PDB file of N, CA and C in Angstrom:
ATOM      1  N   MET A   1     125.129 117.587 111.516  1.00  0.00           N
ATOM      2  CA  MET A   1     124.038 118.370 110.975  1.00  0.00           C
ATOM      3  C   MET A   1     124.617 119.666 110.427  1.00  0.00           C
ATOM      4  N   GLU A   2     124.057 120.081 109.313  1.00  0.00           N
ATOM      5  CA  GLU A   2     124.450 121.335 108.685  1.00  0.00           C
ATOM      6  C   GLU A   2     123.226 122.231 108.585  1.00  0.00           C
ATOM      7  N   ARG A   3     123.380 123.477 108.950  1.00  0.00           N
ATOM      8  CA  ARG A   3     122.288 124.446 108.815  1.00  0.00           C
ATOM      9  C   ARG A   3     122.436 125.153 107.478  1.00  0.00           C
ATOM     10  N   ILE A   4     121.314 125.232 106.755  1.00  0.00           N
ATOM     11  CA  ILE A   4     121.305 125.876 105.446  1.00  0.00           C
ATOM     12  C   ILE A   4     120.072 126.746 105.320  1.00  0.00           C
ATOM     13  N   GLU A   5     120.074 127.590 104.319  1.00  0.00           N
ATOM     14  CA  GLU A   5     118.866 128.335 103.975  1.00  0.00           C
ATOM     15  C   GLU A   5     118.236 127.653 102.784  1.00  0.00           C
ATOM     16  N   ALA A   6     116.938 127.524 102.824  1.00  0.00           N
ATOM     17  CA  ALA A   6     116.191 126.906 101.730  1.00  0.00           C
ATOM     18  C   ALA A   6     115.035 127.824 101.355  1.00  0.00           C
ATOM     19  N   GLU A   7     114.546 127.664 100.127  1.00  0.00           N
ATOM     20  CA  GLU A   7     113.404 128.447  99.667  1.00  0.00           C
ATOM     21  C   GLU A   7     112.135 127.646  99.903  1.00  0.00           C
ATOM     22  N   LEU A   8     111.167 128.250 100.569  1.00  0.00           N
ATOM     23  CA  LEU A   8     109.892 127.612 100.875  1.00  0.00           C
ATOM     24  C   LEU A   8     108.828 128.186  99.948  1.00  0.00           C
ATOM     25  N   PHE A   9     108.233 127.322  99.115  1.00  0.00           N
ATOM     26  CA  PHE A   9     107.266 127.761  98.115  1.00  0.00           C
ATOM     27  C   PHE A   9     105.816 127.596  98.566  1.00  0.00           C
ATOM     28  N   THR A  10     105.584 126.875  99.649  1.00  0.00           N
ATOM     29  CA  THR A  10     104.242 126.683 100.209  1.00  0.00           C
ATOM     30  C   THR A  10     104.334 126.891 101.709  1.00  0.00           C
ATOM     31  N   ASP A  11     103.201 126.831 102.382  1.00  0.00           N
ATOM     32  CA  ASP A  11     103.272 126.849 103.836  1.00  0.00           C
ATOM     33  C   ASP A  11     104.005 125.584 104.283  1.00  0.00           C
ATOM     34  N   GLY A  12     104.460 125.555 105.520  1.00  0.00           N
ATOM     35  CA  GLY A  12     105.218 124.416 106.010  1.00  0.00           C
ATOM     36  C   GLY A  12     104.508 123.105 105.798  1.00  0.00           C
ATOM     37  N   GLY A  13     103.568 122.822 106.616  1.00  0.00           N
ATOM     38  CA  GLY A  13     102.736 121.632 106.452  1.00  0.00           C
ATOM     39  C   GLY A  13     103.491 120.325 106.311  1.00  0.00           C
ATOM     40  N   ASN A  14     102.755 119.303 105.952  1.00  0.00           N
ATOM     41  CA  ASN A  14     103.289 117.947 105.897  1.00  0.00           C
ATOM     42  C   ASN A  14     103.904 117.597 104.551  1.00  0.00           C
ATOM     43  N   ASP A  15     103.697 118.433 103.565  1.00  0.00           N
ATOM     44  CA  ASP A  15     104.277 118.168 102.241  1.00  0.00           C
ATOM     45  C   ASP A  15     104.697 119.492 101.615  1.00  0.00           C
ATOM     46  N   ALA A  16     105.576 120.172 102.324  1.00  0.00           N
ATOM     47  CA  ALA A  16     106.045 121.488 101.904  1.00  0.00           C
ATOM     48  C   ALA A  16     106.871 121.372 100.627  1.00  0.00           C
ATOM     49  N   VAL A  17     106.717 122.352  99.762  1.00  0.00           N
ATOM     50  CA  VAL A  17     107.522 122.429  98.551  1.00  0.00           C
ATOM     51  C   VAL A  17     108.701 123.354  98.861  1.00  0.00           C
ATOM     52  N   VAL A  18     109.901 122.778  98.751  1.00  0.00           N
ATOM     53  CA  VAL A  18     111.127 123.443  99.194  1.00  0.00           C
ATOM     54  C   VAL A  18     112.209 123.273  98.135  1.00  0.00           C
ATOM     55  N   ARG A  19     113.008 124.315  97.934  1.00  0.00           N
ATOM     56  CA  ARG A  19     114.179 124.165  97.059  1.00  0.00           C
ATOM     57  C   ARG A  19     115.427 124.345  97.909  1.00  0.00           C
ATOM     58  N   LEU A  20     116.289 123.345  97.840  1.00  0.00           N
ATOM     59  CA  LEU A  20     117.546 123.386  98.567  1.00  0.00           C
ATOM     60  C   LEU A  20     118.600 124.121  97.748  1.00  0.00           C
ATOM     61  N   PRO A  21     119.597 124.679  98.404  1.00  0.00           N
ATOM     62  CA  PRO A  21     120.662 125.370  97.681  1.00  0.00           C
ATOM     63  C   PRO A  21     121.321 124.429  96.661  1.00  0.00           C
ATOM     64  N   GLY A  22     121.604 124.984  95.480  1.00  0.00           N
ATOM     65  CA  GLY A  22     122.275 124.215  94.453  1.00  0.00           C
ATOM     66  C   GLY A  22     121.370 123.352  93.596  1.00  0.00           C
ATOM     67  N   ARG A  23     120.086 123.339  93.903  1.00  0.00           N
ATOM     68  CA  ARG A  23     119.136 122.539  93.129  1.00  0.00           C
ATOM     69  C   ARG A  23     118.364 123.449  92.188  1.00  0.00           C
ATOM     70  N   ARG A  24     118.136 122.972  90.981  1.00  0.00           N
ATOM     71  CA  ARG A  24     117.386 123.768  90.006  1.00  0.00           C
ATOM     72  C   ARG A  24     115.899 123.771  90.323  1.00  0.00           C
ATOM     73  N   PHE A  25     115.381 122.611  90.726  1.00  0.00           N
ATOM     74  CA  PHE A  25     113.948 122.482  90.985  1.00  0.00           C
ATOM     75  C   PHE A  25     113.687 122.200  92.462  1.00  0.00           C
ATOM     76  N   PRO A  26     112.537 122.647  92.942  1.00  0.00           N
ATOM     77  CA  PRO A  26     112.142 122.319  94.316  1.00  0.00           C
ATOM     78  C   PRO A  26     111.814 120.832  94.450  1.00  0.00           C
ATOM     79  N   GLY A  27     111.700 120.406  95.671  1.00  0.00           N
ATOM     80  CA  GLY A  27     111.256 119.064  95.997  1.00  0.00           C
ATOM     81  C   GLY A  27     110.118 119.143  96.992  1.00  0.00           C
ATOM     82  N   VAL A  28     109.636 117.998  97.411  1.00  0.00           N
ATOM     83  CA  VAL A  28     108.562 117.937  98.393  1.00  0.00           C
ATOM     84  C   VAL A  28     109.123 117.327  99.669  1.00  0.00           C
ATOM     85  N   LEU A  29     109.002 118.052 100.752  1.00  0.00           N
ATOM     86  CA  LEU A  29     109.461 117.568 102.044  1.00  0.00           C
ATOM     87  C   LEU A  29     108.333 116.777 102.693  1.00  0.00           C
ATOM     88  N   ILE A  30     108.551 115.488 102.854  1.00  0.00           N
ATOM     89  CA  ILE A  30     107.551 114.630 103.487  1.00  0.00           C
ATOM     90  C   ILE A  30     108.075 114.238 104.864  1.00  0.00           C
ATOM     91  N   GLN A  31     107.283 114.478 105.878  1.00  0.00           N
ATOM     92  CA  GLN A  31     107.679 114.147 107.241  1.00  0.00           C
ATOM     93  C   GLN A  31     107.851 112.640 107.396  1.00  0.00           C
ATOM     94  N   GLY A  32     108.696 112.247 108.327  1.00  0.00           N
ATOM     95  CA  GLY A  32     109.008 110.836 108.530  1.00  0.00           C
ATOM     96  C   GLY A  32     107.805 109.973 108.841  1.00  0.00           C
ATOM     97  N   ASP A  33     106.883 110.470 109.650  1.00  0.00           N
ATOM     98  CA  ASP A  33     105.712 109.667 109.980  1.00  0.00           C
ATOM     99  C   ASP A  33     104.828 109.452 108.748  1.00  0.00           C
ATOM    100  N   THR A  34     104.758 110.455 107.877  1.00  0.00           N
ATOM    101  CA  THR A  34     103.993 110.311 106.650  1.00  0.00           C
ATOM    102  C   THR A  34     104.676 109.343 105.703  1.00  0.00           C
ATOM    103  N   LEU A  35     105.985 109.405 105.609  1.00  0.00           N
ATOM    104  CA  LEU A  35     106.738 108.469 104.776  1.00  0.00           C
ATOM    105  C   LEU A  35     106.537 107.042 105.267  1.00  0.00           C
ATOM    106  N   SER A  36     106.564 106.851 106.572  1.00  0.00           N
ATOM    107  CA  SER A  36     106.339 105.528 107.152  1.00  0.00           C
ATOM    108  C   SER A  36     104.931 105.025 106.837  1.00  0.00           C
ATOM    109  N   ALA A  37     103.939 105.902 106.916  1.00  0.00           N
ATOM    110  CA  ALA A  37     102.561 105.515 106.615  1.00  0.00           C
ATOM    111  C   ALA A  37     102.415 105.130 105.142  1.00  0.00           C
ATOM    112  N   LEU A  38     103.062 105.885 104.240  1.00  0.00           N
ATOM    113  CA  LEU A  38     103.016 105.541 102.820  1.00  0.00           C
ATOM    114  C   LEU A  38     103.635 104.167 102.572  1.00  0.00           C
ATOM    115  N   GLN A  39     104.765 103.906 103.216  1.00  0.00           N
ATOM    116  CA  GLN A  39     105.418 102.604 103.053  1.00  0.00           C
ATOM    117  C   GLN A  39     104.532 101.488 103.580  1.00  0.00           C
ATOM    118  N   SER A  40     103.860 101.713 104.695  1.00  0.00           N
ATOM    119  CA  SER A  40     102.952 100.704 105.251  1.00  0.00           C
ATOM    120  C   SER A  40     101.786 100.429 104.311  1.00  0.00           C
ATOM    121  N   GLU A  41     101.264 101.476 103.684  1.00  0.00           N
ATOM    122  CA  GLU A  41     100.155 101.292 102.753  1.00  0.00           C
ATOM    123  C   GLU A  41     100.595 100.519 101.512  1.00  0.00           C
ATOM    124  N   VAL A  42     101.797 100.779 101.037  1.00  0.00           N
ATOM    125  CA  VAL A  42     102.318 100.024  99.895  1.00  0.00           C
ATOM    126  C   VAL A  42     102.531  98.564 100.299  1.00  0.00           C
ATOM    127  N   ALA A  43     103.047  98.328 101.499  1.00  0.00           N
ATOM    128  CA  ALA A  43     103.237  96.960 101.977  1.00  0.00           C
ATOM    129  C   ALA A  43     101.895  96.233 102.077  1.00  0.00           C
ATOM    130  N   GLU A  44     100.867  96.926 102.555  1.00  0.00           N
ATOM    131  CA  GLU A  44      99.531  96.342 102.621  1.00  0.00           C
ATOM    132  C   GLU A  44      99.019  95.997 101.229  1.00  0.00           C
ATOM    133  N   LEU A  45      99.256  96.878 100.282  1.00  0.00           N
ATOM    134  CA  LEU A  45      98.849  96.642  98.900  1.00  0.00           C
ATOM    135  C   LEU A  45      99.539  95.402  98.326  1.00  0.00           C
ATOM    136  N   VAL A  46     100.820  95.260  98.579  1.00  0.00           N
ATOM    137  CA  VAL A  46     101.572  94.089  98.118  1.00  0.00           C
ATOM    138  C   VAL A  46     101.000  92.816  98.741  1.00  0.00           C
ATOM    139  N   ASP A  47     100.736  92.854 100.036  1.00  0.00           N
ATOM    140  CA  ASP A  47     100.176  91.682 100.721  1.00  0.00           C
ATOM    141  C   ASP A  47      98.801  91.316 100.169  1.00  0.00           C
ATOM    142  N   LEU A  48      97.965  92.308  99.924  1.00  0.00           N
ATOM    143  CA  LEU A  48      96.637  92.050  99.381  1.00  0.00           C
ATOM    144  C   LEU A  48      96.711  91.442  97.988  1.00  0.00           C
ATOM    145  N   CYS A  49      97.617  91.936  97.170  1.00  0.00           N
ATOM    146  CA  CYS A  49      97.799  91.367  95.830  1.00  0.00           C
ATOM    147  C   CYS A  49      98.283  89.925  95.925  1.00  0.00           C
ATOM    148  N   ALA A  50      99.237  89.674  96.816  1.00  0.00           N
ATOM    149  CA  ALA A  50      99.765  88.316  96.983  1.00  0.00           C
ATOM    150  C   ALA A  50      98.684  87.358  97.462  1.00  0.00           C
ATOM    151  N   ALA A  51      97.765  87.871  98.277  1.00  0.00           N
ATOM    152  CA  ALA A  51      96.684  87.037  98.796  1.00  0.00           C
ATOM    153  C   ALA A  51      95.536  86.901  97.796  1.00  0.00           C
ATOM    154  N   GLY A  52      95.598  87.645  96.719  1.00  0.00           N
ATOM    155  CA  GLY A  52      94.545  87.564  95.708  1.00  0.00           C
ATOM    156  C   GLY A  52      93.315  88.389  96.017  1.00  0.00           C
ATOM    157  N   ASP A  53      93.398  89.241  97.043  1.00  0.00           N
ATOM    158  CA  ASP A  53      92.254  90.088  97.402  1.00  0.00           C
ATOM    159  C   ASP A  53      92.298  91.365  96.567  1.00  0.00           C
ATOM    160  N   LEU A  54      91.928  91.230  95.318  1.00  0.00           N
ATOM    161  CA  LEU A  54      92.075  92.337  94.390  1.00  0.00           C
ATOM    162  C   LEU A  54      91.103  93.478  94.650  1.00  0.00           C
ATOM    163  N   GLU A  55      89.950  93.172  95.197  1.00  0.00           N
ATOM    164  CA  GLU A  55      88.992  94.238  95.501  1.00  0.00           C
ATOM    165  C   GLU A  55      89.552  95.172  96.573  1.00  0.00           C
ATOM    166  N   GLU A  56      90.058  94.598  97.646  1.00  0.00           N
ATOM    167  CA  GLU A  56      90.640  95.414  98.718  1.00  0.00           C
ATOM    168  C   GLU A  56      91.937  96.075  98.237  1.00  0.00           C
ATOM    169  N   ALA A  57      92.705  95.368  97.416  1.00  0.00           N
ATOM    170  CA  ALA A  57      93.938  95.938  96.873  1.00  0.00           C
ATOM    171  C   ALA A  57      93.617  97.166  96.028  1.00  0.00           C
ATOM    172  N   ARG A  58      92.578  97.085  95.246  1.00  0.00           N
ATOM    173  CA  ARG A  58      92.173  98.219  94.411  1.00  0.00           C
ATOM    174  C   ARG A  58      91.784  99.404  95.275  1.00  0.00           C
ATOM    175  N   PHE A  59      91.087  99.137  96.376  1.00  0.00           N
ATOM    176  CA  PHE A  59      90.686 100.192  97.300  1.00  0.00           C
ATOM    177  C   PHE A  59      91.916 100.898  97.871  1.00  0.00           C
ATOM    178  N   VAL A  60      92.886 100.113  98.346  1.00  0.00           N
ATOM    179  CA  VAL A  60      94.111 100.681  98.917  1.00  0.00           C
ATOM    180  C   VAL A  60      94.893 101.437  97.840  1.00  0.00           C
ATOM    181  N   ALA A  61      94.973 100.868  96.644  1.00  0.00           N
ATOM    182  CA  ALA A  61      95.679 101.526  95.542  1.00  0.00           C
ATOM    183  C   ALA A  61      95.018 102.855  95.187  1.00  0.00           C
ATOM    184  N   ASP A  62      93.699 102.895  95.196  1.00  0.00           N
ATOM    185  CA  ASP A  62      92.989 104.143  94.905  1.00  0.00           C
ATOM    186  C   ASP A  62      93.295 105.215  95.951  1.00  0.00           C
ATOM    187  N   LEU A  63      93.369 104.820  97.220  1.00  0.00           N
ATOM    188  CA  LEU A  63      93.709 105.768  98.288  1.00  0.00           C
ATOM    189  C   LEU A  63      95.120 106.313  98.098  1.00  0.00           C
ATOM    190  N   LEU A  64      96.063 105.424  97.800  1.00  0.00           N
ATOM    191  CA  LEU A  64      97.447 105.845  97.561  1.00  0.00           C
ATOM    192  C   LEU A  64      97.534 106.775  96.362  1.00  0.00           C
ATOM    193  N   HIS A  65      96.830 106.408  95.315  1.00  0.00           N
ATOM    194  CA  HIS A  65      96.832 107.221  94.096  1.00  0.00           C
ATOM    195  C   HIS A  65      96.307 108.619  94.387  1.00  0.00           C
ATOM    196  N   ALA A  66      95.232 108.719  95.134  1.00  0.00           N
ATOM    197  CA  ALA A  66      94.644 110.018  95.474  1.00  0.00           C
ATOM    198  C   ALA A  66      95.592 110.831  96.361  1.00  0.00           C
ATOM    199  N   ASP A  67      96.221 110.182  97.335  1.00  0.00           N
ATOM    200  CA  ASP A  67      97.135 110.869  98.244  1.00  0.00           C
ATOM    201  C   ASP A  67      98.339 111.418  97.483  1.00  0.00           C
ATOM    202  N   LEU A  68      98.960 110.581  96.669  1.00  0.00           N
ATOM    203  CA  LEU A  68     100.113 111.035  95.892  1.00  0.00           C
ATOM    204  C   LEU A  68      99.701 112.073  94.851  1.00  0.00           C
ATOM    205  N   GLY A  69      98.517 111.916  94.295  1.00  0.00           N
ATOM    206  CA  GLY A  69      98.014 112.893  93.337  1.00  0.00           C
ATOM    207  C   GLY A  69      97.836 114.266  93.962  1.00  0.00           C
ATOM    208  N   SER A  70      97.363 114.311  95.194  1.00  0.00           N
ATOM    209  CA  SER A  70      97.181 115.609  95.855  1.00  0.00           C
ATOM    210  C   SER A  70      98.535 116.239  96.172  1.00  0.00           C
ATOM    211  N   LYS A  71      99.521 115.427  96.529  1.00  0.00           N
ATOM    212  CA  LYS A  71     100.861 115.956  96.769  1.00  0.00           C
ATOM    213  C   LYS A  71     101.462 116.497  95.463  1.00  0.00           C
ATOM    214  N   LEU A  72     101.280 115.782  94.374  1.00  0.00           N
ATOM    215  CA  LEU A  72     101.784 116.228  93.086  1.00  0.00           C
ATOM    216  C   LEU A  72     101.076 117.501  92.637  1.00  0.00           C
ATOM    217  N   GLN A  73      99.784 117.602  92.878  1.00  0.00           N
ATOM    218  CA  GLN A  73      99.048 118.811  92.512  1.00  0.00           C
ATOM    219  C   GLN A  73      99.545 120.010  93.304  1.00  0.00           C
ATOM    220  N   ARG A  74      99.798 119.807  94.577  1.00  0.00           N
ATOM    221  CA  ARG A  74     100.345 120.887  95.421  1.00  0.00           C
ATOM    222  C   ARG A  74     101.699 121.347  94.875  1.00  0.00           C
ATOM    223  N   TYR A  75     102.523 120.391  94.469  1.00  0.00           N
ATOM    224  CA  TYR A  75     103.827 120.692  93.885  1.00  0.00           C
ATOM    225  C   TYR A  75     103.655 121.495  92.588  1.00  0.00           C
ATOM    226  N   ASN A  76     102.795 120.994  91.697  1.00  0.00           N
ATOM    227  CA  ASN A  76     102.552 121.687  90.428  1.00  0.00           C
ATOM    228  C   ASN A  76     102.018 123.100  90.651  1.00  0.00           C
ATOM    229  N   ASP A  77     101.094 123.249  91.586  1.00  0.00           N
ATOM    230  CA  ASP A  77     100.524 124.563  91.884  1.00  0.00           C
ATOM    231  C   ASP A  77     101.604 125.522  92.390  1.00  0.00           C
ATOM    232  N   ALA A  78     102.482 125.038  93.243  1.00  0.00           N
ATOM    233  CA  ALA A  78     103.539 125.882  93.793  1.00  0.00           C
ATOM    234  C   ALA A  78     104.499 126.329  92.694  1.00  0.00           C
ATOM    235  N   LEU A  79     104.873 125.416  91.809  1.00  0.00           N
ATOM    236  CA  LEU A  79     105.760 125.786  90.721  1.00  0.00           C
ATOM    237  C   LEU A  79     105.108 126.810  89.805  1.00  0.00           C
ATOM    238  N   GLU A  80     103.855 126.575  89.463  1.00  0.00           N
ATOM    239  CA  GLU A  80     103.137 127.507  88.591  1.00  0.00           C
ATOM    240  C   GLU A  80     103.035 128.890  89.230  1.00  0.00           C
ATOM    241  N   ALA A  81     102.743 128.929  90.520  1.00  0.00           N
ATOM    242  CA  ALA A  81     102.598 130.208  91.223  1.00  0.00           C
ATOM    243  C   ALA A  81     103.896 131.010  91.229  1.00  0.00           C
ATOM    244  N   HIS A  82     105.023 130.321  91.082  1.00  0.00           N
ATOM    245  CA  HIS A  82     106.320 130.994  91.123  1.00  0.00           C
ATOM    246  C   HIS A  82     107.019 131.012  89.759  1.00  0.00           C
ATOM    247  N   GLY A  83     106.276 130.659  88.713  1.00  0.00           N
ATOM    248  CA  GLY A  83     106.820 130.738  87.370  1.00  0.00           C
ATOM    249  C   GLY A  83     107.956 129.771  87.080  1.00  0.00           C
ATOM    250  N   ILE A  84     107.938 128.620  87.733  1.00  0.00           N
ATOM    251  CA  ILE A  84     108.977 127.612  87.539  1.00  0.00           C
ATOM    252  C   ILE A  84     108.413 126.504  86.669  1.00  0.00           C
ATOM    253  N   PRO A  85     109.092 126.134  85.596  1.00  0.00           N
ATOM    254  CA  PRO A  85     108.599 125.032  84.759  1.00  0.00           C
ATOM    255  C   PRO A  85     108.724 123.710  85.504  1.00  0.00           C
ATOM    256  N   ARG A  86     107.829 122.798  85.177  1.00  0.00           N
ATOM    257  CA  ARG A  86     107.901 121.475  85.810  1.00  0.00           C
ATOM    258  C   ARG A  86     109.095 120.700  85.266  1.00  0.00           C
ATOM    259  N   PRO A  87     109.730 119.892  86.095  1.00  0.00           N
ATOM    260  CA  PRO A  87     110.894 119.128  85.632  1.00  0.00           C
ATOM    261  C   PRO A  87     110.511 117.831  84.928  1.00  0.00           C
ATOM    262  N   PHE A  88     109.248 117.661  84.657  1.00  0.00           N
ATOM    263  CA  PHE A  88     108.806 116.426  84.000  1.00  0.00           C
ATOM    264  C   PHE A  88     107.746 116.738  82.963  1.00  0.00           C
TER     265      PHE A  88
END
């Protein structure tokens, strides 16, 4: 393990916007349990599509889309608040 200093652009929370040393743009720190939950939801979506349950698949996809959209909005807001252009 290496200890470093990083720049924190939002409160800590579950999807903190952080810039590591040597990086031009910040990233989003996602906790392991949240990453695992996202992977499980994607796996559920794949299974639902394979089973042909498109109605339920659409529901799960909409939830994922909203969750990732809120994380992206938090990222965009943090960059804007600190005068950093978006990398995309």
